[in-house]
């Protein structure tokens, strides 16, 4: 009877360990992902700079308002408080500590995608991304 329990435990541990092993993504997929991410960030920065340039005249006029001056003074006071500086330091430390975990999770998700989903949906996703890129190139270019 104990041998059956031992065998069941060993099989359960093997199954759980095999589920923990995630296939690593290929270098081609990682490069493709990094390229798309870089272009997307460029698009966001370009769009932000256009919005900022369009809003600059409005912000100059709003800067003369009494409410805006009060808000600026309040934020200046907040920046000098030690509690706010401590929260900012903790947030920066957490972001620094979590970045390797985010990279590992991204790598694991890319590996799972490549191993399980890419054979079925890879072509459809590639065509969808290409059609979205043409729309984004027209309305939100990266340059």
N, C-alpha and C. Protein backbone atom coordinates (compact mmCIF):
# COMPACT_ATOMS: atom_id res chain seq x y z
N UNK A 1 0.83 -1.18 0.00
CA UNK A 1 0.00 0.00 0.00
C UNK A 1 0.88 1.25 0.00
N UNK A 2 1.95 1.26 0.80
CA UNK A 2 2.86 2.40 0.84
C UNK A 2 3.57 2.59 -0.51
N UNK A 3 3.82 1.51 -1.21
CA UNK A 3 4.49 1.61 -2.51
C UNK A 3 3.59 2.34 -3.51
N UNK A 4 2.28 2.12 -3.43
CA UNK A 4 1.34 2.82 -4.33
C UNK A 4 1.35 4.32 -4.04
N UNK A 5 1.35 4.68 -2.76
CA UNK A 5 1.38 6.09 -2.40
C UNK A 5 2.70 6.73 -2.83
N UNK A 6 3.78 6.01 -2.67
CA UNK A 6 5.08 6.52 -3.07
C UNK A 6 5.14 6.74 -4.57
N UNK A 7 4.65 5.76 -5.33
CA UNK A 7 4.63 5.88 -6.79
C UNK A 7 3.74 7.05 -7.23
N UNK A 8 2.56 7.19 -6.60
CA UNK A 8 1.67 8.31 -6.93
C UNK A 8 2.33 9.65 -6.62
N UNK A 9 3.04 9.73 -5.50
CA UNK A 9 3.72 10.96 -5.13
C UNK A 9 4.83 11.29 -6.11
N UNK A 10 5.60 10.30 -6.51
CA UNK A 10 6.68 10.52 -7.47
C UNK A 10 6.12 10.98 -8.80
N UNK A 11 5.04 10.37 -9.28
CA UNK A 11 4.43 10.78 -10.54
C UNK A 11 3.86 12.19 -10.45
N UNK A 12 3.24 12.51 -9.34
CA UNK A 12 2.69 13.86 -9.16
C UNK A 12 3.81 14.90 -9.15
N UNK A 13 4.92 14.59 -8.51
CA UNK A 13 6.05 15.52 -8.50
C UNK A 13 6.67 15.68 -9.88
N UNK A 14 6.74 14.60 -10.65
CA UNK A 14 7.28 14.70 -12.00
C UNK A 14 6.39 15.56 -12.88
N UNK A 15 5.08 15.40 -12.75
CA UNK A 15 4.16 16.21 -13.54
C UNK A 15 4.28 17.67 -13.15
N UNK A 16 4.33 17.96 -11.85
CA UNK A 16 4.42 19.35 -11.43
C UNK A 16 5.74 19.97 -11.86
N UNK A 17 6.83 19.21 -11.84
CA UNK A 17 8.11 19.74 -12.27
C UNK A 17 8.15 19.95 -13.77
N UNK A 18 7.49 19.08 -14.53
CA UNK A 18 7.49 19.27 -15.98
C UNK A 18 6.65 20.49 -16.36
N UNK A 19 5.65 20.83 -15.55
CA UNK A 19 4.88 22.03 -15.82
C UNK A 19 5.67 23.29 -15.49
N UNK A 20 6.64 23.19 -14.60
CA UNK A 20 7.46 24.34 -14.24
C UNK A 20 8.51 24.67 -15.30
N UNK A 21 8.88 23.72 -16.11
CA UNK A 21 9.88 23.94 -17.14
C UNK A 21 9.21 24.60 -18.34
N UNK A 22 9.59 25.83 -18.60
CA UNK A 22 9.02 26.57 -19.71
C UNK A 22 10.06 26.67 -20.81
N UNK A 23 9.63 26.41 -22.03
CA UNK A 23 10.55 26.47 -23.16
C UNK A 23 11.02 27.91 -23.37
N UNK A 24 12.28 28.07 -23.67
CA UNK A 24 12.83 29.39 -23.94
C UNK A 24 12.48 29.80 -25.37
N UNK A 25 12.18 31.07 -25.58
CA UNK A 25 11.84 31.51 -26.94
C UNK A 25 13.08 31.53 -27.83
N UNK A 26 12.85 31.41 -29.12
CA UNK A 26 13.97 31.46 -30.05
C UNK A 26 14.49 32.89 -30.15
N UNK A 27 15.72 33.02 -30.60
CA UNK A 27 16.33 34.34 -30.73
C UNK A 27 15.59 35.18 -31.77
N UNK A 28 15.08 34.54 -32.79
CA UNK A 28 14.32 35.25 -33.84
C UNK A 28 13.07 35.89 -33.26
N UNK A 29 12.35 35.17 -32.41
CA UNK A 29 11.13 35.71 -31.81
C UNK A 29 11.46 36.84 -30.83
N UNK A 30 12.52 36.71 -30.07
CA UNK A 30 12.92 37.75 -29.12
C UNK A 30 13.31 39.01 -29.88
N UNK A 31 14.06 38.87 -30.97
CA UNK A 31 14.45 40.04 -31.77
C UNK A 31 13.23 40.71 -32.39
N UNK A 32 12.30 39.90 -32.88
CA UNK A 32 11.07 40.45 -33.47
C UNK A 32 10.27 41.21 -32.42
N UNK A 33 10.15 40.63 -31.22
CA UNK A 33 9.43 41.29 -30.13
C UNK A 33 10.11 42.59 -29.73
N UNK A 34 11.44 42.55 -29.57
CA UNK A 34 12.17 43.76 -29.17
C UNK A 34 12.05 44.85 -30.22
N UNK A 35 12.09 44.48 -31.49
CA UNK A 35 11.93 45.46 -32.56
C UNK A 35 10.56 46.11 -32.54
N UNK A 36 9.53 45.30 -32.34
CA UNK A 36 8.16 45.85 -32.27
C UNK A 36 7.99 46.74 -31.05
N UNK A 37 8.59 46.34 -29.94
CA UNK A 37 8.48 47.14 -28.72
C UNK A 37 9.18 48.48 -28.89
N UNK A 38 10.35 48.49 -29.51
CA UNK A 38 11.10 49.71 -29.74
C UNK A 38 10.33 50.67 -30.64
N UNK A 39 9.76 50.14 -31.72
CA UNK A 39 8.98 50.99 -32.64
C UNK A 39 7.75 51.53 -31.93
N UNK A 40 7.11 50.72 -31.11
CA UNK A 40 5.92 51.18 -30.40
C UNK A 40 6.26 52.31 -29.43
N UNK A 41 7.38 52.18 -28.71
CA UNK A 41 7.80 53.25 -27.81
C UNK A 41 8.13 54.53 -28.58
N UNK A 42 8.75 54.39 -29.76
CA UNK A 42 9.02 55.56 -30.59
C UNK A 42 7.72 56.23 -31.02
N UNK A 43 6.72 55.42 -31.37
CA UNK A 43 5.42 55.98 -31.74
C UNK A 43 4.80 56.75 -30.58
N UNK A 44 4.88 56.18 -29.38
CA UNK A 44 4.31 56.85 -28.21
C UNK A 44 5.04 58.16 -27.91
N UNK A 45 6.38 58.15 -28.00
CA UNK A 45 7.14 59.37 -27.74
C UNK A 45 6.83 60.44 -28.78
N UNK A 46 6.70 60.04 -30.02
CA UNK A 46 6.37 60.99 -31.08
C UNK A 46 4.98 61.58 -30.86
N UNK A 47 4.02 60.74 -30.52
CA UNK A 47 2.66 61.23 -30.26
C UNK A 47 2.65 62.16 -29.04
N UNK A 48 3.40 61.80 -28.01
CA UNK A 48 3.46 62.65 -26.81
C UNK A 48 4.07 64.01 -27.13
N UNK A 49 5.13 64.02 -27.94
CA UNK A 49 5.75 65.30 -28.28
C UNK A 49 4.79 66.16 -29.11
N UNK A 50 3.98 65.55 -29.98
CA UNK A 50 3.01 66.31 -30.75
C UNK A 50 1.92 66.88 -29.85
N UNK A 51 1.45 66.09 -28.90
CA UNK A 51 0.43 66.57 -27.96
C UNK A 51 1.01 67.69 -27.09
N UNK A 52 2.24 67.52 -26.66
CA UNK A 52 2.89 68.54 -25.83
C UNK A 52 3.05 69.84 -26.61
N UNK A 53 3.45 69.75 -27.88
CA UNK A 53 3.60 70.96 -28.69
C UNK A 53 2.26 71.63 -28.94
N UNK A 54 1.20 70.84 -29.12
CA UNK A 54 -0.12 71.41 -29.33
C UNK A 54 -0.69 72.03 -28.06
N UNK A 55 -0.33 71.48 -26.91
CA UNK A 55 -0.87 71.96 -25.65
C UNK A 55 -0.04 73.08 -25.04
N UNK A 56 1.14 73.36 -25.57
CA UNK A 56 2.01 74.38 -24.98
C UNK A 56 1.36 75.76 -24.94
N UNK A 57 0.71 76.22 -26.01
CA UNK A 57 0.06 77.54 -25.91
C UNK A 57 -1.07 77.57 -24.87
N UNK A 58 -1.79 76.48 -24.76
CA UNK A 58 -2.87 76.43 -23.77
C UNK A 58 -2.31 76.46 -22.35
N UNK A 59 -1.18 75.79 -22.15
CA UNK A 59 -0.59 75.75 -20.81
C UNK A 59 -0.01 77.11 -20.42
N UNK A 60 0.48 77.86 -21.39
CA UNK A 60 1.00 79.19 -21.08
C UNK A 60 -0.12 80.10 -20.59
N UNK A 61 -1.27 80.01 -21.24
CA UNK A 61 -2.41 80.82 -20.81
C UNK A 61 -2.96 80.36 -19.48
N UNK A 62 -2.93 79.05 -19.25
CA UNK A 62 -3.46 78.52 -18.00
C UNK A 62 -2.51 78.79 -16.83
N UNK A 63 -1.25 79.03 -17.12
CA UNK A 63 -0.27 79.28 -16.08
C UNK A 63 -0.51 80.57 -15.32
N UNK A 64 -1.29 81.46 -15.87
CA UNK A 64 -1.58 82.73 -15.21
C UNK A 64 -2.75 82.62 -14.23
N UNK A 65 -3.42 81.49 -14.22
CA UNK A 65 -4.59 81.31 -13.37
C UNK A 65 -4.18 81.18 -11.90
N UNK A 66 -5.06 81.63 -11.02
CA UNK A 66 -4.80 81.55 -9.58
C UNK A 66 -4.79 80.10 -9.09
N UNK A 67 -5.68 79.29 -9.65
CA UNK A 67 -5.76 77.88 -9.24
C UNK A 67 -4.49 77.12 -9.65
N UNK A 68 -3.98 77.43 -10.82
CA UNK A 68 -2.77 76.76 -11.28
C UNK A 68 -1.58 77.15 -10.40
N UNK A 69 -1.50 78.40 -10.04
CA UNK A 69 -0.40 78.85 -9.17
C UNK A 69 -0.47 78.16 -7.81
N UNK A 70 -1.69 78.00 -7.28
CA UNK A 70 -1.86 77.32 -6.00
C UNK A 70 -1.44 75.86 -6.11
N UNK A 71 -1.81 75.20 -7.22
CA UNK A 71 -1.42 73.80 -7.41
C UNK A 71 0.09 73.67 -7.54
N UNK A 72 0.73 74.59 -8.25
CA UNK A 72 2.19 74.54 -8.39
C UNK A 72 2.87 74.68 -7.02
N UNK A 73 2.39 75.61 -6.23
CA UNK A 73 2.97 75.80 -4.89
C UNK A 73 2.79 74.55 -4.04
N UNK A 74 1.62 73.92 -4.13
CA UNK A 74 1.36 72.71 -3.35
C UNK A 74 2.32 71.59 -3.76
N UNK A 75 2.52 71.41 -5.07
CA UNK A 75 3.42 70.36 -5.53
C UNK A 75 4.88 70.66 -5.17
N UNK A 76 5.24 71.93 -5.17
CA UNK A 76 6.59 72.29 -4.72
C UNK A 76 6.80 71.93 -3.25
N UNK A 77 5.79 72.19 -2.43
CA UNK A 77 5.86 71.84 -1.01
C UNK A 77 5.93 70.32 -0.85
N UNK A 78 5.15 69.59 -1.64
CA UNK A 78 5.15 68.12 -1.55
C UNK A 78 6.53 67.55 -1.89
N UNK A 79 7.18 68.12 -2.88
CA UNK A 79 8.48 67.59 -3.30
C UNK A 79 9.55 67.77 -2.23
N UNK A 80 9.39 68.72 -1.37
CA UNK A 80 10.40 68.94 -0.33
C UNK A 80 10.16 68.07 0.91
N UNK A 81 8.99 67.45 1.03
CA UNK A 81 8.70 66.64 2.21
C UNK A 81 9.45 65.32 2.16
N UNK A 82 9.95 64.90 3.29
CA UNK A 82 10.75 63.68 3.35
C UNK A 82 9.90 62.43 3.11
N UNK A 83 8.62 62.44 3.48
CA UNK A 83 7.76 61.28 3.27
C UNK A 83 7.58 61.01 1.77
N UNK A 84 7.39 62.05 1.00
CA UNK A 84 7.22 61.90 -0.45
C UNK A 84 8.51 61.40 -1.07
N UNK A 85 9.63 61.92 -0.63
CA UNK A 85 10.92 61.47 -1.15
C UNK A 85 11.17 60.00 -0.79
N UNK A 86 10.73 59.59 0.39
CA UNK A 86 10.88 58.18 0.79
C UNK A 86 10.03 57.28 -0.09
N UNK A 87 8.80 57.70 -0.38
CA UNK A 87 7.93 56.90 -1.26
C UNK A 87 8.53 56.79 -2.65
N UNK A 88 9.09 57.88 -3.15
CA UNK A 88 9.72 57.86 -4.48
C UNK A 88 10.92 56.92 -4.48
N UNK A 89 11.73 56.97 -3.43
CA UNK A 89 12.90 56.09 -3.34
C UNK A 89 12.49 54.63 -3.26
N UNK A 90 11.45 54.33 -2.51
CA UNK A 90 10.96 52.95 -2.41
C UNK A 90 10.42 52.48 -3.77
N UNK A 91 9.68 53.33 -4.44
CA UNK A 91 9.14 52.97 -5.76
C UNK A 91 10.27 52.72 -6.76
N UNK A 92 11.30 53.56 -6.73
CA UNK A 92 12.45 53.34 -7.63
C UNK A 92 13.17 52.05 -7.30
N UNK A 93 13.34 51.76 -6.01
CA UNK A 93 13.98 50.51 -5.61
C UNK A 93 13.18 49.29 -6.02
N UNK A 94 11.87 49.37 -5.86
CA UNK A 94 11.02 48.25 -6.27
C UNK A 94 11.09 48.04 -7.77
N UNK A 95 11.07 49.12 -8.54
CA UNK A 95 11.17 49.00 -10.00
C UNK A 95 12.49 48.37 -10.39
N UNK A 96 13.57 48.75 -9.70
CA UNK A 96 14.88 48.18 -10.00
C UNK A 96 14.93 46.69 -9.64
N UNK A 97 14.32 46.32 -8.52
CA UNK A 97 14.33 44.92 -8.09
C UNK A 97 13.40 44.05 -8.94
N UNK A 98 12.31 44.62 -9.42
CA UNK A 98 11.34 43.83 -10.17
C UNK A 98 11.68 43.69 -11.65
N UNK A 99 12.60 44.47 -12.16
CA UNK A 99 12.90 44.40 -13.59
C UNK A 99 13.41 43.02 -14.02
N UNK A 100 14.27 42.32 -13.26
CA UNK A 100 14.64 40.96 -13.68
C UNK A 100 13.44 39.99 -13.68
N UNK A 101 12.53 40.15 -12.73
CA UNK A 101 11.36 39.29 -12.70
C UNK A 101 10.46 39.55 -13.91
N UNK A 102 10.34 40.81 -14.29
CA UNK A 102 9.53 41.14 -15.46
C UNK A 102 10.17 40.56 -16.72
N UNK A 103 11.49 40.62 -16.81
CA UNK A 103 12.19 40.03 -17.95
C UNK A 103 12.00 38.52 -18.00
N UNK A 104 12.07 37.87 -16.84
CA UNK A 104 11.84 36.42 -16.81
C UNK A 104 10.42 36.07 -17.20
N UNK A 105 9.45 36.83 -16.72
CA UNK A 105 8.05 36.57 -17.06
C UNK A 105 7.83 36.79 -18.55
N UNK A 106 8.42 37.85 -19.11
CA UNK A 106 8.28 38.11 -20.54
C UNK A 106 8.88 36.98 -21.36
N UNK A 107 10.05 36.51 -20.93
CA UNK A 107 10.70 35.40 -21.63
C UNK A 107 9.86 34.13 -21.54
N UNK A 108 9.29 33.87 -20.37
CA UNK A 108 8.45 32.69 -20.21
C UNK A 108 7.20 32.78 -21.07
N UNK A 109 6.58 33.95 -21.12
CA UNK A 109 5.38 34.11 -21.94
C UNK A 109 5.70 33.98 -23.43
N UNK A 110 6.84 34.53 -23.85
CA UNK A 110 7.23 34.36 -25.25
C UNK A 110 7.50 32.90 -25.56
N UNK A 111 8.13 32.18 -24.62
CA UNK A 111 8.37 30.75 -24.83
C UNK A 111 7.08 29.96 -24.91
N UNK A 112 6.13 30.28 -24.02
CA UNK A 112 4.83 29.59 -24.07
C UNK A 112 4.09 29.90 -25.36
N UNK A 113 4.15 31.17 -25.78
CA UNK A 113 3.51 31.54 -27.04
C UNK A 113 4.12 30.78 -28.20
N UNK A 114 5.46 30.75 -28.25
CA UNK A 114 6.12 30.10 -29.38
C UNK A 114 5.86 28.60 -29.41
N UNK A 115 5.84 27.99 -28.26
CA UNK A 115 5.68 26.54 -28.20
C UNK A 115 4.23 26.10 -28.41
N UNK A 116 3.28 26.83 -27.81
CA UNK A 116 1.89 26.37 -27.83
C UNK A 116 1.00 27.10 -28.83
N UNK A 117 1.17 28.41 -28.99
CA UNK A 117 0.23 29.18 -29.79
C UNK A 117 0.71 29.55 -31.18
N UNK A 118 1.99 29.77 -31.33
CA UNK A 118 2.50 30.25 -32.62
C UNK A 118 2.18 29.33 -33.78
N UNK A 119 2.25 28.01 -33.62
CA UNK A 119 1.89 27.16 -34.76
C UNK A 119 0.44 27.36 -35.23
N UNK A 120 -0.47 27.67 -34.31
CA UNK A 120 -1.87 27.82 -34.68
C UNK A 120 -2.24 29.25 -35.09
N UNK A 121 -1.76 30.24 -34.35
CA UNK A 121 -2.22 31.62 -34.58
C UNK A 121 -1.12 32.56 -35.05
N UNK A 122 0.07 32.05 -35.29
CA UNK A 122 1.19 32.91 -35.64
C UNK A 122 0.97 33.69 -36.93
N UNK A 123 0.49 33.01 -37.99
CA UNK A 123 0.28 33.70 -39.27
C UNK A 123 -0.83 34.74 -39.17
N UNK A 124 -1.91 34.39 -38.49
CA UNK A 124 -3.02 35.33 -38.34
C UNK A 124 -2.58 36.56 -37.53
N UNK A 125 -1.83 36.33 -36.48
CA UNK A 125 -1.35 37.44 -35.65
C UNK A 125 -0.38 38.31 -36.43
N UNK A 126 0.48 37.71 -37.23
CA UNK A 126 1.42 38.47 -38.04
C UNK A 126 0.70 39.35 -39.06
N UNK A 127 -0.33 38.80 -39.70
CA UNK A 127 -1.10 39.59 -40.66
C UNK A 127 -1.86 40.72 -39.96
N UNK A 128 -2.39 40.44 -38.78
CA UNK A 128 -3.11 41.47 -38.02
C UNK A 128 -2.16 42.59 -37.61
N UNK A 129 -0.97 42.23 -37.16
CA UNK A 129 0.01 43.24 -36.76
C UNK A 129 0.43 44.07 -37.96
N UNK A 130 0.61 43.43 -39.12
CA UNK A 130 0.99 44.18 -40.31
C UNK A 130 -0.10 45.16 -40.73
N UNK A 131 -1.36 44.75 -40.63
CA UNK A 131 -2.45 45.67 -40.99
C UNK A 131 -2.57 46.81 -39.98
N UNK A 132 -2.32 46.53 -38.71
CA UNK A 132 -2.34 47.58 -37.70
C UNK A 132 -1.17 48.54 -37.91
N UNK A 133 -0.02 48.01 -38.33
CA UNK A 133 1.15 48.86 -38.58
C UNK A 133 0.86 49.88 -39.68
N UNK A 134 0.16 49.48 -40.74
CA UNK A 134 -0.14 50.43 -41.81
C UNK A 134 -1.02 51.56 -41.29
N UNK A 135 -1.98 51.24 -40.45
CA UNK A 135 -2.83 52.26 -39.85
C UNK A 135 -2.03 53.16 -38.92
N UNK A 136 -1.17 52.58 -38.11
CA UNK A 136 -0.34 53.37 -37.19
C UNK A 136 0.67 54.23 -37.94
N UNK A 137 1.23 53.73 -39.05
CA UNK A 137 2.16 54.53 -39.83
C UNK A 137 1.48 55.77 -40.39
N UNK A 138 0.21 55.65 -40.67
CA UNK A 138 -0.55 56.78 -41.21
C UNK A 138 -0.91 57.79 -40.13
N UNK A 139 -1.36 57.32 -38.98
CA UNK A 139 -1.88 58.21 -37.94
C UNK A 139 -0.92 58.48 -36.79
N UNK A 140 -0.01 57.58 -36.51
CA UNK A 140 0.92 57.74 -35.39
C UNK A 140 2.30 57.22 -35.80
N UNK A 141 3.00 57.95 -36.69
CA UNK A 141 4.28 57.44 -37.18
C UNK A 141 5.34 57.40 -36.09
N UNK A 142 6.35 56.57 -36.33
CA UNK A 142 7.43 56.41 -35.36
C UNK A 142 8.52 57.46 -35.54
N UNK A 143 8.50 58.16 -36.65
CA UNK A 143 9.56 59.15 -36.92
C UNK A 143 9.06 60.54 -36.62
